[in-house]
Amino acid sequence: MIKSIIIWSWLVSTGYVVDMDAKYQGRELYTFYMAEGKTARYAYKKEILQYIKRRNWKFLERLENQKKKK
C-alpha cells in the first residue's frame, strides 16, 4: 500500500499522471501517460494503481457499459 502511494506521488509530480479537473459519478478522472508510450484518458486512480501492481492495463467497467450488455 505504501509503495503504491509513493509511486502514485512520483507519477503525479513527474507529469505521468495528470488530473483532468473532471469527475465521473463523483470520482476524479486522470490522464495517464505510460512508459510504453500509451496514453489512457479518463482513468480512475484505482485503475492506474491496478496497472502499477499488475502491469496490465484494463479499464474498470463504467455504468454505461454495464447497461449496454443487458
N, C-alpha and C. Protein backbone atom coordinates (compact mmCIF):
# COMPACT_ATOMS: atom_id res chain seq x y z
N MET A 1 0.82 -1.19 0.00
CA MET A 1 0.00 0.00 0.00
C MET A 1 0.87 1.26 0.00
N ILE A 2 1.87 1.30 0.90
CA ILE A 2 2.74 2.46 0.98
C ILE A 2 3.53 2.61 -0.31
N LYS A 3 3.95 1.49 -0.88
CA LYS A 3 4.70 1.52 -2.14
C LYS A 3 3.85 2.16 -3.24
N SER A 4 2.56 1.79 -3.30
CA SER A 4 1.67 2.36 -4.31
C SER A 4 1.50 3.86 -4.12
N ILE A 5 1.41 4.30 -2.88
CA ILE A 5 1.25 5.73 -2.60
C ILE A 5 2.49 6.50 -3.04
N ILE A 6 3.66 5.94 -2.76
CA ILE A 6 4.91 6.59 -3.16
C ILE A 6 5.00 6.66 -4.69
N ILE A 7 4.69 5.57 -5.35
CA ILE A 7 4.73 5.55 -6.82
C ILE A 7 3.70 6.51 -7.38
N TRP A 8 2.49 6.54 -6.81
CA TRP A 8 1.44 7.46 -7.26
C TRP A 8 1.93 8.90 -7.15
N SER A 9 2.50 9.25 -6.02
CA SER A 9 3.00 10.62 -5.80
C SER A 9 4.08 10.96 -6.82
N TRP A 10 4.96 10.01 -7.11
CA TRP A 10 6.01 10.24 -8.09
C TRP A 10 5.43 10.44 -9.48
N LEU A 11 4.46 9.61 -9.86
CA LEU A 11 3.83 9.73 -11.18
C LEU A 11 3.16 11.09 -11.35
N VAL A 12 2.49 11.57 -10.32
CA VAL A 12 1.82 12.87 -10.37
C VAL A 12 2.85 14.00 -10.45
N SER A 13 3.89 13.92 -9.63
CA SER A 13 4.88 15.00 -9.59
C SER A 13 5.72 15.09 -10.87
N THR A 14 5.88 13.97 -11.57
CA THR A 14 6.67 13.99 -12.81
C THR A 14 5.82 14.20 -14.06
N GLY A 15 4.50 14.23 -13.90
CA GLY A 15 3.63 14.52 -15.05
C GLY A 15 3.14 13.30 -15.80
N TYR A 16 3.44 12.10 -15.31
CA TYR A 16 2.91 10.89 -15.95
C TYR A 16 1.41 10.73 -15.69
N VAL A 17 0.95 11.27 -14.57
CA VAL A 17 -0.48 11.28 -14.24
C VAL A 17 -0.90 12.73 -14.11
N VAL A 18 -1.93 13.11 -14.86
CA VAL A 18 -2.41 14.48 -14.87
C VAL A 18 -3.89 14.50 -14.52
N ASP A 19 -4.23 15.30 -13.52
CA ASP A 19 -5.63 15.46 -13.12
C ASP A 19 -6.37 16.20 -14.23
N MET A 20 -7.49 15.66 -14.67
CA MET A 20 -8.26 16.26 -15.76
C MET A 20 -9.22 17.34 -15.29
N ASP A 21 -9.29 17.57 -13.98
CA ASP A 21 -10.26 18.51 -13.41
C ASP A 21 -11.68 18.15 -13.83
N ALA A 22 -11.94 16.86 -13.91
CA ALA A 22 -13.27 16.36 -14.27
C ALA A 22 -13.60 15.17 -13.39
N LYS A 23 -14.89 14.93 -13.26
CA LYS A 23 -15.34 13.79 -12.45
C LYS A 23 -16.38 12.99 -13.23
N TYR A 24 -16.44 11.71 -12.93
CA TYR A 24 -17.46 10.84 -13.48
C TYR A 24 -18.05 10.09 -12.29
N GLN A 25 -19.32 10.27 -12.07
CA GLN A 25 -20.02 9.68 -10.94
C GLN A 25 -19.31 9.99 -9.62
N GLY A 26 -18.82 11.23 -9.50
CA GLY A 26 -18.20 11.70 -8.28
C GLY A 26 -16.75 11.29 -8.09
N ARG A 27 -16.16 10.60 -9.05
CA ARG A 27 -14.77 10.14 -8.94
C ARG A 27 -13.88 10.94 -9.88
N GLU A 28 -12.71 11.34 -9.37
CA GLU A 28 -11.75 12.11 -10.17
C GLU A 28 -11.27 11.31 -11.38
N LEU A 29 -11.06 12.01 -12.48
CA LEU A 29 -10.53 11.39 -13.70
C LEU A 29 -9.14 11.92 -13.99
N TYR A 30 -8.29 11.06 -14.55
CA TYR A 30 -6.91 11.40 -14.81
C TYR A 30 -6.52 10.96 -16.22
N THR A 31 -5.49 11.60 -16.76
CA THR A 31 -4.83 11.13 -17.97
C THR A 31 -3.53 10.48 -17.50
N PHE A 32 -3.26 9.28 -18.00
CA PHE A 32 -2.09 8.52 -17.56
C PHE A 32 -1.20 8.25 -18.77
N TYR A 33 0.01 8.79 -18.74
CA TYR A 33 0.99 8.58 -19.80
C TYR A 33 1.90 7.44 -19.37
N MET A 34 1.74 6.27 -19.98
CA MET A 34 2.50 5.09 -19.59
C MET A 34 3.89 5.11 -20.22
N ALA A 35 4.81 4.41 -19.56
CA ALA A 35 6.19 4.35 -20.04
C ALA A 35 6.30 3.70 -21.41
N GLU A 36 5.35 2.83 -21.76
CA GLU A 36 5.37 2.14 -23.06
C GLU A 36 4.94 3.05 -24.21
N GLY A 37 4.63 4.31 -23.90
CA GLY A 37 4.20 5.24 -24.93
C GLY A 37 2.70 5.28 -25.11
N LYS A 38 1.96 4.52 -24.33
CA LYS A 38 0.50 4.51 -24.40
C LYS A 38 -0.06 5.63 -23.52
N THR A 39 -1.27 6.07 -23.84
CA THR A 39 -1.95 7.08 -23.04
C THR A 39 -3.35 6.59 -22.72
N ALA A 40 -3.71 6.68 -21.45
CA ALA A 40 -5.06 6.32 -21.02
C ALA A 40 -5.73 7.60 -20.52
N ARG A 41 -6.78 7.99 -21.19
CA ARG A 41 -7.54 9.18 -20.77
C ARG A 41 -8.78 8.73 -20.02
N TYR A 42 -9.27 9.59 -19.16
CA TYR A 42 -10.47 9.33 -18.36
C TYR A 42 -10.28 8.10 -17.46
N ALA A 43 -9.12 7.98 -16.87
CA ALA A 43 -8.82 6.84 -15.99
C ALA A 43 -9.05 7.22 -14.54
N TYR A 44 -9.53 6.26 -13.77
CA TYR A 44 -9.67 6.44 -12.33
C TYR A 44 -8.32 6.17 -11.67
N LYS A 45 -8.14 6.73 -10.49
CA LYS A 45 -6.92 6.47 -9.72
C LYS A 45 -6.77 4.97 -9.46
N LYS A 46 -7.88 4.30 -9.16
CA LYS A 46 -7.84 2.87 -8.87
C LYS A 46 -7.33 2.07 -10.07
N GLU A 47 -7.72 2.47 -11.28
CA GLU A 47 -7.25 1.78 -12.49
C GLU A 47 -5.74 1.94 -12.65
N ILE A 48 -5.24 3.14 -12.39
CA ILE A 48 -3.81 3.39 -12.52
C ILE A 48 -3.03 2.61 -11.48
N LEU A 49 -3.53 2.57 -10.25
CA LEU A 49 -2.86 1.80 -9.20
C LEU A 49 -2.87 0.30 -9.51
N GLN A 50 -3.97 -0.19 -10.10
CA GLN A 50 -4.01 -1.61 -10.51
C GLN A 50 -2.95 -1.89 -11.57
N TYR A 51 -2.77 -0.95 -12.49
CA TYR A 51 -1.74 -1.12 -13.53
C TYR A 51 -0.35 -1.17 -12.89
N ILE A 52 -0.10 -0.31 -11.91
CA ILE A 52 1.19 -0.30 -11.23
C ILE A 52 1.46 -1.67 -10.61
N LYS A 53 0.44 -2.27 -10.01
CA LYS A 53 0.62 -3.55 -9.34
C LYS A 53 0.72 -4.72 -10.31
N ARG A 54 -0.09 -4.71 -11.38
CA ARG A 54 -0.20 -5.87 -12.26
C ARG A 54 0.50 -5.73 -13.60
N ARG A 55 0.84 -4.50 -13.99
CA ARG A 55 1.45 -4.23 -15.29
C ARG A 55 0.58 -4.67 -16.46
N ASN A 56 -0.72 -4.63 -16.26
CA ASN A 56 -1.67 -5.00 -17.29
C ASN A 56 -2.78 -3.96 -17.27
N TRP A 57 -2.87 -3.14 -18.32
CA TRP A 57 -3.86 -2.07 -18.33
C TRP A 57 -5.25 -2.63 -18.61
N LYS A 58 -6.21 -2.21 -17.79
CA LYS A 58 -7.60 -2.58 -18.00
C LYS A 58 -8.47 -1.52 -17.37
N PHE A 59 -9.40 -0.97 -18.16
CA PHE A 59 -10.35 -0.01 -17.61
C PHE A 59 -11.37 -0.75 -16.76
N LEU A 60 -11.80 -0.12 -15.67
CA LEU A 60 -12.91 -0.64 -14.90
C LEU A 60 -14.17 -0.39 -15.71
N GLU A 61 -15.14 -1.25 -15.58
CA GLU A 61 -16.37 -1.05 -16.36
C GLU A 61 -17.15 0.12 -15.82
N ARG A 62 -17.58 0.96 -16.71
CA ARG A 62 -18.41 2.10 -16.34
C ARG A 62 -19.86 1.66 -16.36
N LEU A 63 -20.70 2.41 -15.71
CA LEU A 63 -22.11 2.09 -15.62
C LEU A 63 -22.74 1.99 -17.00
N GLU A 64 -22.34 2.86 -17.92
CA GLU A 64 -22.90 2.85 -19.27
C GLU A 64 -22.62 1.53 -19.97
N ASN A 65 -21.40 1.00 -19.82
CA ASN A 65 -21.05 -0.26 -20.46
C ASN A 65 -21.86 -1.41 -19.90
N GLN A 66 -22.14 -1.38 -18.61
CA GLN A 66 -22.92 -2.43 -17.98
C GLN A 66 -24.36 -2.43 -18.50
N LYS A 67 -24.90 -1.24 -18.74
CA LYS A 67 -26.27 -1.14 -19.25
C LYS A 67 -26.37 -1.68 -20.68
N LYS A 68 -25.33 -1.45 -21.50
CA LYS A 68 -25.34 -1.90 -22.89
C LYS A 68 -25.30 -3.41 -22.99
N LYS A 69 -24.67 -4.08 -22.02
CA LYS A 69 -24.56 -5.54 -22.06
C LYS A 69 -25.89 -6.23 -21.75
N LYS A 70 -26.78 -5.54 -21.07
CA LYS A 70 -28.07 -6.16 -20.69
C LYS A 70 -29.05 -6.19 -21.81
